[in-house]
Amino acid sequence: MAAPKTIAIIHNPVSELAAADERDVLDQVEEIVDSVGVLGYAHEVLPFNPNLVEMKQALQRIKPYCIFNLVEAVDGDSKLQHLAPAFYDHLGIPYTGASTEALFLTTHKVLAKKWMSMAQVPTAEWLAMENPPMSAPTFPGRYIIKPVSEEASVGLDASAIVTADSREELMDLVRERQRLLGKACFAERYIEGREFNLSLLGRPGGVDAMPPAEMNFDFPEGVPKIMDYKAKWVEGTLEWEGTQRTFDLPPSDNDLLEKLKAIAKRCWDLFHLRGYARVDFRVDKQGEPFVLEINANPCITSGSGFPVACEKSGLGYDAMVQRILEDTLGRESLA
């Protein structure tokens, strides 16, 4: 009987002092290890090593059938996470999730917004440190200032929402936020309204939209209704306790939900996404949706948005992992 094929599960190194959003990748690793075992594969777990000579030697030793790519940062920097799939491409090893190009584009939120704008995918106006500008924000206006290349709501809290009377004032506020966070930032028009996310699961030759989820914010008056860092990661806080995900949406939302699915699939095609992704939306008071961001390779820890959406569609965790692997290996068979 042939030995089982090996999946290399590769993640970014995590220090003992890492914050909750960084430690989460280790939970993902544990669950993927269990799932690939259930699916009949052997596995090797490797932290991604920026010393590419050593990384190449490790992979040559393992000879993986494919890589389950969970790398969220390289050398501690999320801006560099696309270097991991670029290295796999160089070695000719198939890997799960977004391609090098898709990961580069979607993790740079301003570049992603430019692509969406050119493709007429609805996204809120923005202001970035660029010349000439590609968007025309209106004033006076309310804006949210975000890091350009961070995930997991890093750098987001109530103080990120500002009001500006002019372009110059908003630029000053962006510079001030950059100094505070030590990261490149941009400003995006703040959309007062509802928040949804739409999970997408690839399959050879296509993609399936999972049931849409709405994020409900049971916050006191005056607290911005956003998915900030505390809402995602800091248990016991007002933001954590007051944020709930629901898939139980009324029939009156059916037309809106179909529109969200269509826009999400347009994003999948536009950015040539693969494997699995999540598209986050805000819907304004007139019922118009705007894409906040595209999350390629989103978190798949049990209980997080993507696996729960798959469960709602009838796919358990192991079946979800199998679909992600099938999408990867199906592409290889067609290459």
Protein backbone atom coordinates (compact mmCIF):
# COMPACT_ATOMS: atom_id res chain seq x y z
CA MET A 1 0.00 0.00 0.00
CA ALA A 2 1.36 3.40 -1.01
CA ALA A 3 2.34 5.86 1.69
CA PRO A 4 -0.10 8.78 2.10
CA LYS A 5 0.75 11.96 0.25
CA THR A 6 2.13 14.77 2.40
CA ILE A 7 0.57 18.21 2.84
CA ALA A 8 3.05 20.83 4.09
CA ILE A 9 1.16 23.20 6.40
CA ILE A 10 3.16 26.42 6.38
CA HIS A 11 2.51 29.36 8.69
CA ASN A 12 4.26 32.50 9.86
CA PRO A 13 6.36 32.10 13.04
CA VAL A 14 4.56 33.26 16.20
CA SER A 15 6.41 34.44 19.30
CA GLU A 16 5.29 33.68 22.85
CA LEU A 17 4.53 37.39 23.32
CA ALA A 18 2.38 37.66 20.18
CA ALA A 19 -1.03 39.33 20.31
CA ALA A 20 -4.26 37.35 19.93
CA ASP A 21 -4.63 38.08 16.21
CA GLU A 22 -1.15 36.66 15.54
CA ARG A 23 -1.60 33.59 17.76
CA ASP A 24 -4.78 32.64 15.93
CA VAL A 25 -2.78 31.13 13.05
CA LEU A 26 -1.57 28.38 15.42
CA ASP A 27 -5.18 27.41 16.10
CA GLN A 28 -5.71 27.19 12.34
CA VAL A 29 -2.65 24.96 12.02
CA GLU A 30 -3.99 22.53 14.66
CA GLU A 31 -7.34 22.25 12.93
CA ILE A 32 -5.83 21.78 9.47
CA VAL A 33 -3.55 19.05 10.87
CA ASP A 34 -6.62 17.19 12.16
CA SER A 35 -8.53 17.64 8.91
CA VAL A 36 -5.81 16.49 6.52
CA GLY A 37 -5.42 13.41 8.70
CA VAL A 38 -9.14 12.67 8.43
CA LEU A 39 -8.87 13.15 4.66
CA GLY A 40 -6.08 10.57 4.43
CA TYR A 41 -3.00 12.76 4.03
CA ALA A 42 0.22 12.86 5.99
CA HIS A 43 1.39 16.29 7.09
CA GLU A 44 4.43 18.36 8.02
CA VAL A 45 4.09 21.70 9.82
CA LEU A 46 6.67 24.36 8.97
CA PRO A 47 7.07 28.01 9.95
CA PHE A 48 7.92 30.09 6.90
CA ASN A 49 11.63 30.91 6.99
CA PRO A 50 12.72 34.19 5.32
CA ASN A 51 16.06 32.45 4.72
CA LEU A 52 14.94 31.02 1.40
CA VAL A 53 17.90 28.67 1.04
CA GLU A 54 16.94 26.93 4.30
CA MET A 55 13.24 27.03 3.37
CA LYS A 56 13.99 25.41 0.02
CA GLN A 57 16.01 22.67 1.70
CA ALA A 58 13.17 21.94 4.12
CA LEU A 59 10.65 21.63 1.28
CA GLN A 60 13.00 19.48 -0.79
CA ARG A 61 13.28 17.15 2.19
CA ILE A 62 9.50 16.92 2.62
CA LYS A 63 8.60 16.74 -1.11
CA PRO A 64 5.02 17.87 -0.41
CA TYR A 65 2.08 16.92 -2.58
CA CYS A 66 0.90 20.49 -1.99
CA ILE A 67 1.22 23.30 0.53
CA PHE A 68 -1.58 24.53 2.78
CA ASN A 69 -0.54 28.17 2.92
CA LEU A 70 -1.36 29.90 6.23
CA VAL A 71 1.37 32.56 6.04
CA GLU A 72 -0.05 35.91 7.18
CA ALA A 73 3.26 37.81 7.43
CA VAL A 74 6.90 37.41 6.42
CA ASP A 75 9.56 38.64 8.83
CA GLY A 76 6.71 40.01 10.96
CA ASP A 77 5.33 42.24 8.20
CA SER A 78 1.90 41.57 6.68
CA LYS A 79 2.88 43.62 3.61
CA LEU A 80 5.24 40.81 2.66
CA GLN A 81 2.84 37.86 2.90
CA HIS A 82 2.69 37.53 -0.89
CA LEU A 83 6.37 36.51 -0.83
CA ALA A 84 5.40 33.08 0.51
CA PRO A 85 3.29 32.06 -2.52
CA ALA A 86 5.84 33.72 -4.81
CA PHE A 87 8.43 31.33 -3.39
CA TYR A 88 6.13 28.34 -3.86
CA ASP A 89 5.60 29.46 -7.47
CA HIS A 90 9.38 29.60 -7.89
CA LEU A 91 9.69 26.02 -6.64
CA GLY A 92 6.71 24.82 -8.68
CA ILE A 93 4.80 23.47 -5.68
CA PRO A 94 0.98 23.82 -5.72
CA TYR A 95 -0.52 25.68 -2.75
CA THR A 96 -3.92 26.54 -1.35
CA GLY A 97 -5.59 29.91 -1.57
CA ALA A 98 -4.78 33.12 -3.36
CA SER A 99 -2.04 33.44 -5.94
CA THR A 100 0.96 35.71 -5.45
CA GLU A 101 -0.60 38.45 -7.57
CA ALA A 102 -4.04 38.25 -5.95
CA LEU A 103 -2.57 38.33 -2.45
CA PHE A 104 -0.37 41.33 -3.30
CA LEU A 105 -3.30 43.30 -4.70
CA THR A 106 -5.89 42.49 -2.05
CA THR A 107 -3.61 43.03 0.95
CA HIS A 108 -2.78 46.53 -0.34
CA LYS A 109 -6.16 48.10 0.34
CA VAL A 110 -5.56 51.20 -1.77
CA LEU A 111 -4.47 49.15 -4.79
CA ALA A 112 -7.52 46.94 -4.32
CA LYS A 113 -9.78 50.00 -4.25
CA LYS A 114 -8.18 51.29 -7.44
CA TRP A 115 -8.85 48.01 -9.20
CA MET A 116 -12.43 47.96 -7.94
CA SER A 117 -12.97 51.54 -9.01
CA MET A 118 -11.65 50.87 -12.52
CA ALA A 119 -13.89 47.80 -12.78
CA GLN A 120 -16.90 49.75 -11.48
CA VAL A 121 -17.22 47.58 -8.37
CA PRO A 122 -18.84 49.85 -5.75
CA THR A 123 -16.34 50.96 -3.10
CA ALA A 124 -16.35 54.06 -0.91
CA GLU A 125 -14.35 57.15 -1.87
CA TRP A 126 -10.89 57.33 -0.36
CA LEU A 127 -7.90 59.57 0.18
CA ALA A 128 -4.37 58.16 0.09
CA MET A 129 -0.88 59.61 0.07
CA GLU A 130 -0.59 59.59 -3.70
CA ASN A 131 -0.35 62.03 -6.56
CA PRO A 132 -2.40 62.36 -8.67
CA PRO A 133 -5.35 61.12 -6.59
CA MET A 134 -7.68 58.47 -8.06
CA SER A 135 -10.69 59.26 -5.90
CA ALA A 136 -12.57 62.45 -5.10
CA PRO A 137 -13.75 62.46 -1.46
CA THR A 138 -16.41 65.01 -0.51
CA PHE A 139 -16.22 67.60 2.27
CA PRO A 140 -17.27 68.14 4.92
CA GLY A 141 -17.36 64.40 5.53
CA ARG A 142 -16.90 61.58 7.98
CA TYR A 143 -14.02 59.20 7.31
CA ILE A 144 -12.36 56.14 8.80
CA ILE A 145 -8.56 56.01 8.70
CA LYS A 146 -7.13 52.53 8.17
CA PRO A 147 -3.69 50.97 7.76
CA VAL A 148 -3.02 50.24 4.10
CA SER A 149 -1.80 46.66 4.54
CA GLU A 150 -3.02 45.27 7.85
CA GLU A 151 -5.56 42.53 8.44
CA ALA A 152 -7.61 41.42 11.45
CA SER A 153 -8.74 45.02 12.17
CA VAL A 154 -5.25 45.92 13.40
CA GLY A 155 -5.12 49.68 14.02
CA LEU A 156 -8.90 50.12 14.07
CA ASP A 157 -10.77 51.65 17.01
CA ALA A 158 -13.23 54.47 17.60
CA SER A 159 -10.50 57.10 17.25
CA ALA A 160 -9.98 56.03 13.63
CA ILE A 161 -13.28 57.72 12.70
CA VAL A 162 -12.84 61.42 12.02
CA THR A 163 -14.69 64.38 10.53
CA ALA A 164 -12.87 66.66 8.09
CA ASP A 165 -13.92 69.90 6.42
CA SER A 166 -11.30 69.84 3.67
CA ARG A 167 -8.86 67.63 1.81
CA GLU A 168 -5.95 69.29 3.59
CA GLU A 169 -7.46 68.62 7.02
CA LEU A 170 -8.07 64.97 6.17
CA MET A 171 -4.51 64.58 4.86
CA ASP A 172 -3.22 65.97 8.16
CA LEU A 173 -5.36 63.50 10.08
CA VAL A 174 -4.02 60.61 7.97
CA ARG A 175 -0.43 61.74 8.65
CA GLU A 176 -1.20 61.97 12.38
CA ARG A 177 -2.64 58.44 12.37
CA GLN A 178 0.41 57.16 10.50
CA ARG A 179 2.71 58.60 13.16
CA LEU A 180 0.58 57.05 15.91
CA LEU A 181 0.50 53.56 14.38
CA GLY A 182 3.86 53.60 12.63
CA LYS A 183 2.14 52.29 9.49
CA ALA A 184 1.06 53.69 6.13
CA CYS A 185 -2.62 54.71 6.29
CA PHE A 186 -5.40 56.00 4.09
CA ALA A 187 -8.85 57.48 4.67
CA GLU A 188 -12.09 55.97 3.42
CA ARG A 189 -15.55 57.54 3.54
CA TYR A 190 -17.31 56.19 6.62
CA ILE A 191 -20.58 54.51 5.65
CA GLU A 192 -23.23 54.64 8.34
CA GLY A 193 -25.39 51.57 7.91
CA ARG A 194 -25.34 47.78 7.96
CA GLU A 195 -22.30 45.48 7.67
CA PHE A 196 -22.24 42.15 5.85
CA ASN A 197 -19.66 39.61 4.81
CA LEU A 198 -19.88 37.09 2.03
CA SER A 199 -17.71 33.95 2.03
CA LEU A 200 -16.66 32.40 -1.28
CA LEU A 201 -15.45 28.82 -1.69
CA GLY A 202 -13.73 27.83 -4.90
CA ARG A 203 -14.15 24.66 -6.90
CA PRO A 204 -12.46 23.57 -10.11
CA GLY A 205 -13.93 25.82 -12.78
CA GLY A 206 -15.95 28.08 -10.52
CA VAL A 207 -16.89 29.45 -7.11
CA ASP A 208 -19.82 29.07 -4.71
CA ALA A 209 -21.18 31.83 -2.49
CA MET A 210 -21.88 30.75 1.06
CA PRO A 211 -24.86 32.16 3.01
CA PRO A 212 -24.33 35.89 3.70
CA ALA A 213 -23.80 37.04 7.29
CA GLU A 214 -24.71 40.35 8.88
CA MET A 215 -22.72 41.81 11.76
CA ASN A 216 -24.96 43.36 14.39
CA PHE A 217 -23.55 45.88 16.85
CA ASP A 218 -25.35 46.23 20.16
CA PHE A 219 -23.37 49.25 21.32
CA PRO A 220 -24.31 52.24 23.46
CA GLU A 221 -25.23 55.48 21.72
CA GLY A 222 -22.13 57.24 20.40
CA VAL A 223 -19.95 54.12 20.04
CA PRO A 224 -19.15 53.60 16.32
CA LYS A 225 -20.66 50.43 14.92
CA ILE A 226 -17.54 48.94 13.37
CA MET A 227 -15.63 45.64 13.51
CA ASP A 228 -12.62 47.08 15.32
CA TYR A 229 -9.74 45.20 16.94
CA LYS A 230 -11.49 44.74 20.29
CA ALA A 231 -14.64 43.39 18.63
CA LYS A 232 -12.58 40.69 16.94
CA TRP A 233 -9.95 39.82 19.50
CA VAL A 234 -10.40 41.18 23.04
CA GLU A 235 -12.82 39.02 25.00
CA GLY A 236 -14.84 40.72 27.72
CA THR A 237 -14.77 44.17 26.13
CA LEU A 238 -17.92 46.09 25.28
CA GLU A 239 -17.06 45.72 21.59
CA TRP A 240 -16.55 41.93 21.84
CA GLU A 241 -19.72 41.34 23.83
CA GLY A 242 -21.83 43.66 21.67
CA THR A 243 -20.89 42.21 18.27
CA GLN A 244 -22.94 39.31 16.94
CA ARG A 245 -22.96 37.55 13.58
CA THR A 246 -26.32 36.44 12.18
CA PHE A 247 -27.36 34.46 9.11
CA ASP A 248 -31.05 34.76 10.02
CA LEU A 249 -32.00 37.53 7.62
CA PRO A 250 -35.56 38.53 6.64
CA PRO A 251 -37.09 37.84 3.20
CA SER A 252 -37.13 41.61 2.62
CA ASP A 253 -33.33 41.39 2.31
CA ASN A 254 -33.40 38.81 -0.50
CA ASP A 255 -32.75 41.27 -3.34
CA LEU A 256 -29.92 42.91 -1.38
CA LEU A 257 -28.34 39.53 -0.58
CA GLU A 258 -28.43 38.49 -4.22
CA LYS A 259 -26.70 41.77 -5.10
CA LEU A 260 -24.01 41.11 -2.48
CA LYS A 261 -23.40 37.63 -3.90
CA ALA A 262 -23.11 39.00 -7.44
CA ILE A 263 -20.66 41.73 -6.39
CA ALA A 264 -18.59 39.25 -4.35
CA LYS A 265 -18.31 36.94 -7.36
CA ARG A 266 -17.26 39.91 -9.51
CA CYS A 267 -14.46 40.54 -6.99
CA TRP A 268 -13.47 36.85 -7.20
CA ASP A 269 -13.14 37.15 -10.99
CA LEU A 270 -11.55 40.61 -10.94
CA PHE A 271 -8.72 39.60 -8.61
CA HIS A 272 -8.45 36.02 -9.92
CA LEU A 273 -9.07 34.66 -6.43
CA ARG A 274 -8.71 30.97 -5.65
CA GLY A 275 -9.54 28.52 -2.91
CA TYR A 276 -11.40 30.66 -0.41
CA ALA A 277 -12.06 34.33 0.24
CA ARG A 278 -14.37 36.70 2.09
CA VAL A 279 -15.73 40.02 0.85
CA ASP A 280 -16.77 42.58 3.47
CA PHE A 281 -19.50 45.13 2.73
CA ARG A 282 -21.18 48.15 4.24
CA VAL A 283 -24.69 48.95 3.06
CA ASP A 284 -25.78 52.58 3.38
CA LYS A 285 -29.16 53.85 4.54
CA GLN A 286 -30.39 53.89 0.94
CA GLY A 287 -29.64 50.18 0.64
CA GLU A 288 -26.60 50.61 -1.61
CA PRO A 289 -23.70 48.20 -0.94
CA PHE A 290 -20.02 49.15 -0.96
CA VAL A 291 -17.09 46.74 -0.77
CA LEU A 292 -14.90 47.51 2.22
CA GLU A 293 -12.20 44.98 1.42
CA ILE A 294 -11.43 41.59 -0.04
CA ASN A 295 -9.96 39.05 2.37
CA ALA A 296 -7.99 36.46 0.42
CA ASN A 297 -7.13 33.42 2.59
CA PRO A 298 -9.36 34.55 5.48
CA CYS A 299 -9.15 33.05 8.96
CA ILE A 300 -10.53 29.50 9.08
CA THR A 301 -10.40 28.83 12.80
CA SER A 302 -13.60 27.05 13.89
CA GLY A 303 -16.16 29.63 14.97
CA SER A 304 -14.78 32.35 12.70
CA GLY A 305 -16.88 33.73 9.88
CA PHE A 306 -15.73 31.58 6.98
CA PRO A 307 -16.13 28.09 8.50
CA VAL A 308 -19.45 29.08 10.09
CA ALA A 309 -20.76 30.25 6.70
CA CYS A 310 -19.67 26.93 5.20
CA GLU A 311 -21.50 25.08 7.99
CA LYS A 312 -24.64 27.05 7.15
CA SER A 313 -24.36 25.73 3.60
CA GLY A 314 -24.04 22.15 4.87
CA LEU A 315 -20.25 21.80 4.71
CA GLY A 316 -18.49 20.72 7.89
CA TYR A 317 -14.89 21.70 8.62
CA ASP A 318 -13.29 18.64 6.99
CA ALA A 319 -15.47 19.00 3.89
CA MET A 320 -14.45 22.68 3.68
CA VAL A 321 -10.76 21.74 3.83
CA GLN A 322 -11.33 19.07 1.21
CA ARG A 323 -12.94 21.64 -1.09
CA ILE A 324 -9.98 24.00 -0.64
CA LEU A 325 -7.54 21.19 -1.48
CA GLU A 326 -9.66 20.03 -4.44
CA ASP A 327 -9.66 23.54 -5.87
CA THR A 328 -5.85 23.63 -5.59
CA LEU A 329 -5.25 20.19 -7.05
CA GLY A 330 -7.97 20.57 -9.66
CA ARG A 331 -6.19 23.62 -11.05
CA GLU A 332 -2.96 21.63 -11.22
CA SER A 333 -4.63 18.85 -13.23
CA LEU A 334 -5.90 21.45 -15.72
CA ALA A 335 -2.53 23.24 -16.03
